[in-house]
Amino acid sequence: MRELKIRYTFKRKEDGKIYQEISPIECIEGKGDTPFANIYSTNIWELIARDLYTGLKDKNGKEIYEGDIVKHFGYYIGDTWFTSGIGTVSYDDGCYYGGGEVLDHCSIFNKGIEVIGNIYENKE
């Protein structure tokens, strides 16, 4: 069974600063301490997103969440991987997609994808 985690993204109302906190499902269900309970205040912070952990990791071992921007390495020559696409991780029809590819297939080699940002911190 895959580990269920949610990445919460908050924006500070005063200056638009983004803050992200990852919480395992146990905290969400009230079975643990909620790490952002003292941070989230409707007067200071606005909750702008909840992104589900895909259960996949990139080539560097970083967890991949919906809303992440990933670089897909589609092919390699020798020991060098070359980029075939960059895109936002999304879920559709039972699969996670990013960079124009189904991420589950890329992760077989654990070199096929790399998280390079997310849509909240890297708008460009």
N, C-alpha and C. Protein backbone atom coordinates (compact mmCIF):
# COMPACT_ATOMS: atom_id res chain seq x y z
N MET A 1 0.85 -1.18 0.00
CA MET A 1 0.00 0.00 0.00
C MET A 1 0.88 1.23 0.00
N ARG A 2 0.56 2.22 -0.84
CA ARG A 2 1.40 3.41 -0.91
C ARG A 2 1.11 4.34 0.25
N GLU A 3 2.13 5.09 0.61
CA GLU A 3 2.04 6.04 1.71
C GLU A 3 1.20 7.24 1.28
N LEU A 4 0.19 7.60 2.08
CA LEU A 4 -0.66 8.74 1.75
C LEU A 4 -0.16 9.98 2.48
N LYS A 5 0.18 10.99 1.68
CA LYS A 5 0.63 12.27 2.21
C LYS A 5 -0.02 13.37 1.38
N ILE A 6 -0.22 14.51 2.03
CA ILE A 6 -0.75 15.67 1.34
C ILE A 6 0.18 16.85 1.60
N ARG A 7 0.48 17.58 0.52
CA ARG A 7 1.29 18.80 0.65
C ARG A 7 0.31 19.98 0.64
N TYR A 8 0.32 20.72 1.75
CA TYR A 8 -0.53 21.90 1.87
C TYR A 8 0.30 23.12 1.46
N THR A 9 -0.30 23.98 0.64
CA THR A 9 0.37 25.20 0.22
C THR A 9 -0.42 26.39 0.74
N PHE A 10 0.28 27.25 1.49
CA PHE A 10 -0.31 28.44 2.07
C PHE A 10 0.33 29.68 1.45
N LYS A 11 -0.45 30.74 1.36
CA LYS A 11 0.09 32.02 0.90
C LYS A 11 -0.17 33.05 2.00
N ARG A 12 0.92 33.75 2.40
CA ARG A 12 0.77 34.78 3.44
C ARG A 12 0.06 35.98 2.81
N LYS A 13 -1.02 36.43 3.43
CA LYS A 13 -1.84 37.50 2.88
C LYS A 13 -1.08 38.82 2.77
N GLU A 14 -0.20 39.06 3.72
CA GLU A 14 0.52 40.34 3.77
C GLU A 14 1.41 40.58 2.56
N ASP A 15 2.19 39.54 2.17
CA ASP A 15 3.18 39.75 1.11
C ASP A 15 3.19 38.67 0.03
N GLY A 16 2.28 37.70 0.11
CA GLY A 16 2.20 36.67 -0.92
C GLY A 16 3.22 35.56 -0.81
N LYS A 17 4.01 35.54 0.29
CA LYS A 17 5.02 34.49 0.47
C LYS A 17 4.34 33.12 0.53
N ILE A 18 4.94 32.15 -0.13
CA ILE A 18 4.42 30.79 -0.17
C ILE A 18 5.09 29.94 0.91
N TYR A 19 4.29 29.13 1.60
CA TYR A 19 4.80 28.20 2.60
C TYR A 19 4.15 26.85 2.33
N GLN A 20 4.95 25.79 2.34
CA GLN A 20 4.41 24.44 2.11
C GLN A 20 4.74 23.54 3.28
N GLU A 21 3.78 22.70 3.61
CA GLU A 21 3.94 21.74 4.71
C GLU A 21 3.37 20.41 4.25
N ILE A 22 4.12 19.34 4.49
CA ILE A 22 3.67 18.00 4.12
C ILE A 22 3.16 17.31 5.37
N SER A 23 2.00 16.67 5.23
CA SER A 23 1.41 15.99 6.37
C SER A 23 0.97 14.59 5.98
N PRO A 24 1.38 13.58 6.76
CA PRO A 24 0.89 12.22 6.49
C PRO A 24 -0.59 12.12 6.86
N ILE A 25 -1.26 11.15 6.32
CA ILE A 25 -2.70 10.99 6.53
C ILE A 25 -3.05 10.83 8.02
N GLU A 26 -2.13 10.28 8.82
CA GLU A 26 -2.40 10.10 10.25
C GLU A 26 -2.68 11.43 10.93
N CYS A 27 -1.96 12.47 10.53
CA CYS A 27 -2.19 13.80 11.11
C CYS A 27 -3.52 14.37 10.66
N ILE A 28 -3.87 14.13 9.42
CA ILE A 28 -5.11 14.65 8.88
C ILE A 28 -6.30 13.99 9.56
N GLU A 29 -6.16 12.72 9.89
CA GLU A 29 -7.24 11.98 10.54
C GLU A 29 -7.30 12.24 12.04
N GLY A 30 -6.41 13.08 12.55
CA GLY A 30 -6.42 13.40 13.97
C GLY A 30 -5.68 12.41 14.83
N LYS A 31 -4.85 11.55 14.23
CA LYS A 31 -4.12 10.54 14.99
C LYS A 31 -2.69 10.98 15.30
N GLY A 32 -2.37 12.21 15.00
CA GLY A 32 -1.03 12.73 15.26
C GLY A 32 -1.10 14.24 15.39
N ASP A 33 0.03 14.85 15.67
CA ASP A 33 0.07 16.30 15.75
C ASP A 33 0.03 16.88 14.35
N THR A 34 -0.80 17.86 14.14
CA THR A 34 -0.86 18.53 12.85
C THR A 34 0.26 19.56 12.82
N PRO A 35 1.26 19.38 11.96
CA PRO A 35 2.44 20.24 11.98
C PRO A 35 2.16 21.70 11.68
N PHE A 36 1.10 22.01 10.97
CA PHE A 36 0.84 23.39 10.61
C PHE A 36 -0.32 24.01 11.38
N ALA A 37 -0.77 23.36 12.44
CA ALA A 37 -1.93 23.84 13.18
C ALA A 37 -1.72 25.26 13.70
N ASN A 38 -0.54 25.59 14.15
CA ASN A 38 -0.27 26.92 14.69
C ASN A 38 0.04 27.94 13.60
N ILE A 39 0.35 27.47 12.42
CA ILE A 39 0.70 28.37 11.33
C ILE A 39 -0.54 28.83 10.58
N TYR A 40 -1.45 27.91 10.34
CA TYR A 40 -2.62 28.25 9.54
C TYR A 40 -3.59 29.11 10.34
N SER A 41 -3.70 30.33 9.95
CA SER A 41 -4.64 31.27 10.54
C SER A 41 -5.28 32.04 9.40
N THR A 42 -6.58 32.10 9.37
CA THR A 42 -7.25 32.79 8.28
C THR A 42 -6.93 34.28 8.25
N ASN A 43 -6.42 34.82 9.35
CA ASN A 43 -6.04 36.23 9.38
C ASN A 43 -4.70 36.48 8.71
N ILE A 44 -3.81 35.48 8.73
CA ILE A 44 -2.45 35.65 8.22
C ILE A 44 -2.21 34.85 6.95
N TRP A 45 -2.63 33.59 6.95
CA TRP A 45 -2.36 32.67 5.84
C TRP A 45 -3.63 32.27 5.13
N GLU A 46 -3.51 32.04 3.83
CA GLU A 46 -4.62 31.54 3.03
C GLU A 46 -4.21 30.18 2.47
N LEU A 47 -5.02 29.16 2.70
CA LEU A 47 -4.76 27.84 2.13
C LEU A 47 -5.12 27.90 0.65
N ILE A 48 -4.12 27.67 -0.23
CA ILE A 48 -4.39 27.79 -1.66
C ILE A 48 -4.38 26.45 -2.39
N ALA A 49 -3.83 25.39 -1.77
CA ALA A 49 -3.82 24.10 -2.46
C ALA A 49 -3.57 22.95 -1.51
N ARG A 50 -4.09 21.80 -1.90
CA ARG A 50 -3.80 20.52 -1.27
C ARG A 50 -3.40 19.58 -2.40
N ASP A 51 -2.15 19.09 -2.36
CA ASP A 51 -1.65 18.23 -3.43
C ASP A 51 -1.31 16.86 -2.87
N LEU A 52 -1.78 15.83 -3.54
CA LEU A 52 -1.59 14.45 -3.12
C LEU A 52 -0.23 13.92 -3.57
N TYR A 53 0.43 13.18 -2.67
CA TYR A 53 1.68 12.50 -2.99
C TYR A 53 1.37 11.39 -4.00
N THR A 54 2.14 11.31 -5.07
CA THR A 54 1.90 10.32 -6.12
C THR A 54 2.35 8.92 -5.75
N GLY A 55 3.19 8.81 -4.72
CA GLY A 55 3.78 7.52 -4.38
C GLY A 55 5.06 7.27 -5.15
N LEU A 56 5.47 8.24 -5.97
CA LEU A 56 6.68 8.12 -6.79
C LEU A 56 7.75 9.08 -6.30
N LYS A 57 8.99 8.75 -6.61
CA LYS A 57 10.12 9.62 -6.31
C LYS A 57 10.89 9.88 -7.59
N ASP A 58 11.56 11.03 -7.64
CA ASP A 58 12.33 11.35 -8.84
C ASP A 58 13.70 10.70 -8.77
N LYS A 59 14.55 11.02 -9.74
CA LYS A 59 15.87 10.39 -9.84
C LYS A 59 16.77 10.72 -8.65
N ASN A 60 16.44 11.79 -7.89
CA ASN A 60 17.22 12.18 -6.72
C ASN A 60 16.58 11.71 -5.41
N GLY A 61 15.50 10.96 -5.51
CA GLY A 61 14.82 10.45 -4.32
C GLY A 61 13.81 11.42 -3.74
N LYS A 62 13.52 12.53 -4.43
CA LYS A 62 12.56 13.52 -3.95
C LYS A 62 11.14 13.06 -4.27
N GLU A 63 10.26 13.19 -3.29
CA GLU A 63 8.87 12.79 -3.47
C GLU A 63 8.20 13.69 -4.51
N ILE A 64 7.33 13.08 -5.32
CA ILE A 64 6.63 13.81 -6.37
C ILE A 64 5.17 13.98 -5.97
N TYR A 65 4.70 15.25 -6.00
CA TYR A 65 3.33 15.59 -5.66
C TYR A 65 2.62 16.17 -6.88
N GLU A 66 1.29 16.07 -6.89
CA GLU A 66 0.52 16.77 -7.91
C GLU A 66 0.88 18.25 -7.81
N GLY A 67 0.98 18.93 -8.93
CA GLY A 67 1.34 20.34 -8.94
C GLY A 67 2.84 20.58 -9.06
N ASP A 68 3.65 19.52 -8.94
CA ASP A 68 5.09 19.66 -9.16
C ASP A 68 5.38 19.85 -10.64
N ILE A 69 6.46 20.53 -10.93
CA ILE A 69 6.93 20.65 -12.30
C ILE A 69 8.08 19.67 -12.45
N VAL A 70 7.97 18.78 -13.42
CA VAL A 70 8.98 17.75 -13.61
C VAL A 70 9.60 17.83 -15.00
N LYS A 71 10.83 17.41 -15.04
CA LYS A 71 11.56 17.27 -16.30
C LYS A 71 11.62 15.78 -16.59
N HIS A 72 11.22 15.40 -17.78
CA HIS A 72 11.22 14.00 -18.17
C HIS A 72 12.43 13.73 -19.06
N PHE A 73 13.21 12.74 -18.68
CA PHE A 73 14.37 12.34 -19.48
C PHE A 73 13.93 11.16 -20.33
N GLY A 74 13.69 11.41 -21.59
CA GLY A 74 13.10 10.40 -22.46
C GLY A 74 14.07 9.41 -23.04
N TYR A 75 15.34 9.78 -23.18
CA TYR A 75 16.28 8.86 -23.78
C TYR A 75 17.69 9.19 -23.29
N TYR A 76 18.60 8.27 -23.47
CA TYR A 76 19.97 8.53 -23.08
C TYR A 76 20.94 7.95 -24.10
N ILE A 77 22.08 8.57 -24.14
CA ILE A 77 23.18 8.11 -24.98
C ILE A 77 24.38 7.95 -24.06
N GLY A 78 24.90 6.74 -23.99
CA GLY A 78 25.98 6.48 -23.04
C GLY A 78 25.44 6.58 -21.63
N ASP A 79 26.03 7.47 -20.81
CA ASP A 79 25.57 7.67 -19.44
C ASP A 79 24.79 8.97 -19.28
N THR A 80 24.42 9.63 -20.37
CA THR A 80 23.76 10.93 -20.30
C THR A 80 22.29 10.82 -20.70
N TRP A 81 21.41 11.33 -19.81
CA TRP A 81 19.98 11.37 -20.09
C TRP A 81 19.66 12.71 -20.74
N PHE A 82 18.77 12.72 -21.72
CA PHE A 82 18.36 13.93 -22.41
C PHE A 82 16.89 14.20 -22.16
N THR A 83 16.55 15.48 -22.01
CA THR A 83 15.18 15.89 -21.72
C THR A 83 14.29 15.75 -22.94
N SER A 84 13.11 15.16 -22.72
CA SER A 84 12.15 15.09 -23.82
C SER A 84 10.91 15.92 -23.51
N GLY A 85 10.79 16.41 -22.27
CA GLY A 85 9.63 17.24 -21.95
C GLY A 85 9.68 17.77 -20.53
N ILE A 86 8.99 18.89 -20.33
CA ILE A 86 8.83 19.49 -19.01
C ILE A 86 7.36 19.76 -18.84
N GLY A 87 6.80 19.43 -17.67
CA GLY A 87 5.38 19.67 -17.46
C GLY A 87 4.97 19.54 -16.02
N THR A 88 3.72 19.86 -15.77
CA THR A 88 3.14 19.82 -14.43
C THR A 88 2.54 18.45 -14.16
N VAL A 89 2.76 17.93 -12.96
CA VAL A 89 2.22 16.63 -12.58
C VAL A 89 0.71 16.76 -12.36
N SER A 90 -0.03 15.88 -13.01
CA SER A 90 -1.47 15.85 -12.86
C SER A 90 -1.94 14.40 -12.89
N TYR A 91 -3.17 14.19 -12.45
CA TYR A 91 -3.75 12.86 -12.40
C TYR A 91 -4.93 12.80 -13.35
N ASP A 92 -4.96 11.79 -14.20
CA ASP A 92 -6.07 11.65 -15.14
C ASP A 92 -6.20 10.19 -15.56
N ASP A 93 -7.40 9.69 -15.53
CA ASP A 93 -7.70 8.35 -16.03
C ASP A 93 -6.82 7.26 -15.41
N GLY A 94 -6.57 7.38 -14.09
CA GLY A 94 -5.84 6.34 -13.38
C GLY A 94 -4.33 6.43 -13.43
N CYS A 95 -3.78 7.49 -14.03
CA CYS A 95 -2.32 7.63 -14.14
C CYS A 95 -1.88 9.05 -13.80
N TYR A 96 -0.64 9.17 -13.33
CA TYR A 96 -0.03 10.47 -13.14
C TYR A 96 0.76 10.82 -14.39
N TYR A 97 0.62 12.09 -14.84
CA TYR A 97 1.30 12.57 -16.03
C TYR A 97 2.19 13.75 -15.67
N GLY A 98 3.26 13.93 -16.41
CA GLY A 98 4.15 15.07 -16.25
C GLY A 98 5.19 15.07 -17.33
N GLY A 99 5.42 16.22 -17.94
CA GLY A 99 6.41 16.29 -19.01
C GLY A 99 6.02 15.50 -20.24
N GLY A 100 4.72 15.32 -20.43
CA GLY A 100 4.24 14.62 -21.61
C GLY A 100 4.29 13.11 -21.52
N GLU A 101 4.58 12.58 -20.35
CA GLU A 101 4.71 11.12 -20.20
C GLU A 101 3.93 10.62 -18.98
N VAL A 102 3.61 9.34 -18.99
CA VAL A 102 3.01 8.69 -17.82
C VAL A 102 4.15 8.45 -16.83
N LEU A 103 4.06 9.07 -15.64
CA LEU A 103 5.17 9.02 -14.69
C LEU A 103 5.44 7.62 -14.15
N ASP A 104 4.42 6.81 -14.02
CA ASP A 104 4.63 5.45 -13.50
C ASP A 104 5.61 4.68 -14.39
N HIS A 105 5.56 4.90 -15.69
CA HIS A 105 6.45 4.21 -16.62
C HIS A 105 7.87 4.76 -16.52
N CYS A 106 8.01 6.07 -16.33
CA CYS A 106 9.33 6.70 -16.24
C CYS A 106 10.07 6.24 -14.98
N SER A 107 9.31 6.03 -13.91
CA SER A 107 9.95 5.73 -12.63
C SER A 107 10.55 4.33 -12.57
N ILE A 108 10.27 3.51 -13.55
CA ILE A 108 10.84 2.16 -13.57
C ILE A 108 12.36 2.24 -13.50
N PHE A 109 12.93 3.20 -14.22
CA PHE A 109 14.38 3.34 -14.25
C PHE A 109 14.89 4.23 -13.14
N ASN A 110 14.00 4.96 -12.45
CA ASN A 110 14.34 5.89 -11.39
C ASN A 110 15.35 6.94 -11.85
N LYS A 111 15.45 7.14 -13.15
CA LYS A 111 16.29 8.19 -13.70
C LYS A 111 15.47 9.01 -14.69
N GLY A 112 14.25 8.60 -14.93
CA GLY A 112 13.46 9.20 -15.98
C GLY A 112 12.82 10.53 -15.66
N ILE A 113 12.70 10.91 -14.38
CA ILE A 113 12.04 12.15 -14.02
C ILE A 113 12.78 12.88 -12.91
N GLU A 114 12.67 14.21 -12.94
CA GLU A 114 13.30 15.05 -11.91
C GLU A 114 12.36 16.21 -11.58
N VAL A 115 12.10 16.42 -10.30
CA VAL A 115 11.30 17.56 -9.86
C VAL A 115 12.17 18.81 -9.96
N ILE A 116 11.66 19.83 -10.68
CA ILE A 116 12.42 21.07 -10.82
C ILE A 116 11.71 22.26 -10.21
N GLY A 117 10.56 22.04 -9.60
CA GLY A 117 9.81 23.11 -8.94
C GLY A 117 8.37 22.71 -8.76
N ASN A 118 7.51 23.71 -8.47
CA ASN A 118 6.08 23.47 -8.39
C ASN A 118 5.35 24.72 -8.87
N ILE A 119 4.07 24.58 -9.17
CA ILE A 119 3.31 25.66 -9.79
C ILE A 119 3.06 26.84 -8.86
N TYR A 120 3.30 26.68 -7.58
CA TYR A 120 3.05 27.75 -6.62
C TYR A 120 4.28 28.65 -6.43
N GLU A 121 5.44 28.05 -6.50
CA GLU A 121 6.69 28.79 -6.29
C GLU A 121 7.37 29.17 -7.59
N ASN A 122 7.04 28.49 -8.69
CA ASN A 122 7.68 28.72 -9.99
C ASN A 122 6.60 29.00 -11.03
N LYS A 123 6.01 30.14 -10.98
CA LYS A 123 4.90 30.47 -11.89
C LYS A 123 5.32 30.47 -13.35
N GLU A 124 6.59 30.81 -13.63
CA GLU A 124 7.07 30.83 -15.01
C GLU A 124 7.30 29.42 -15.49
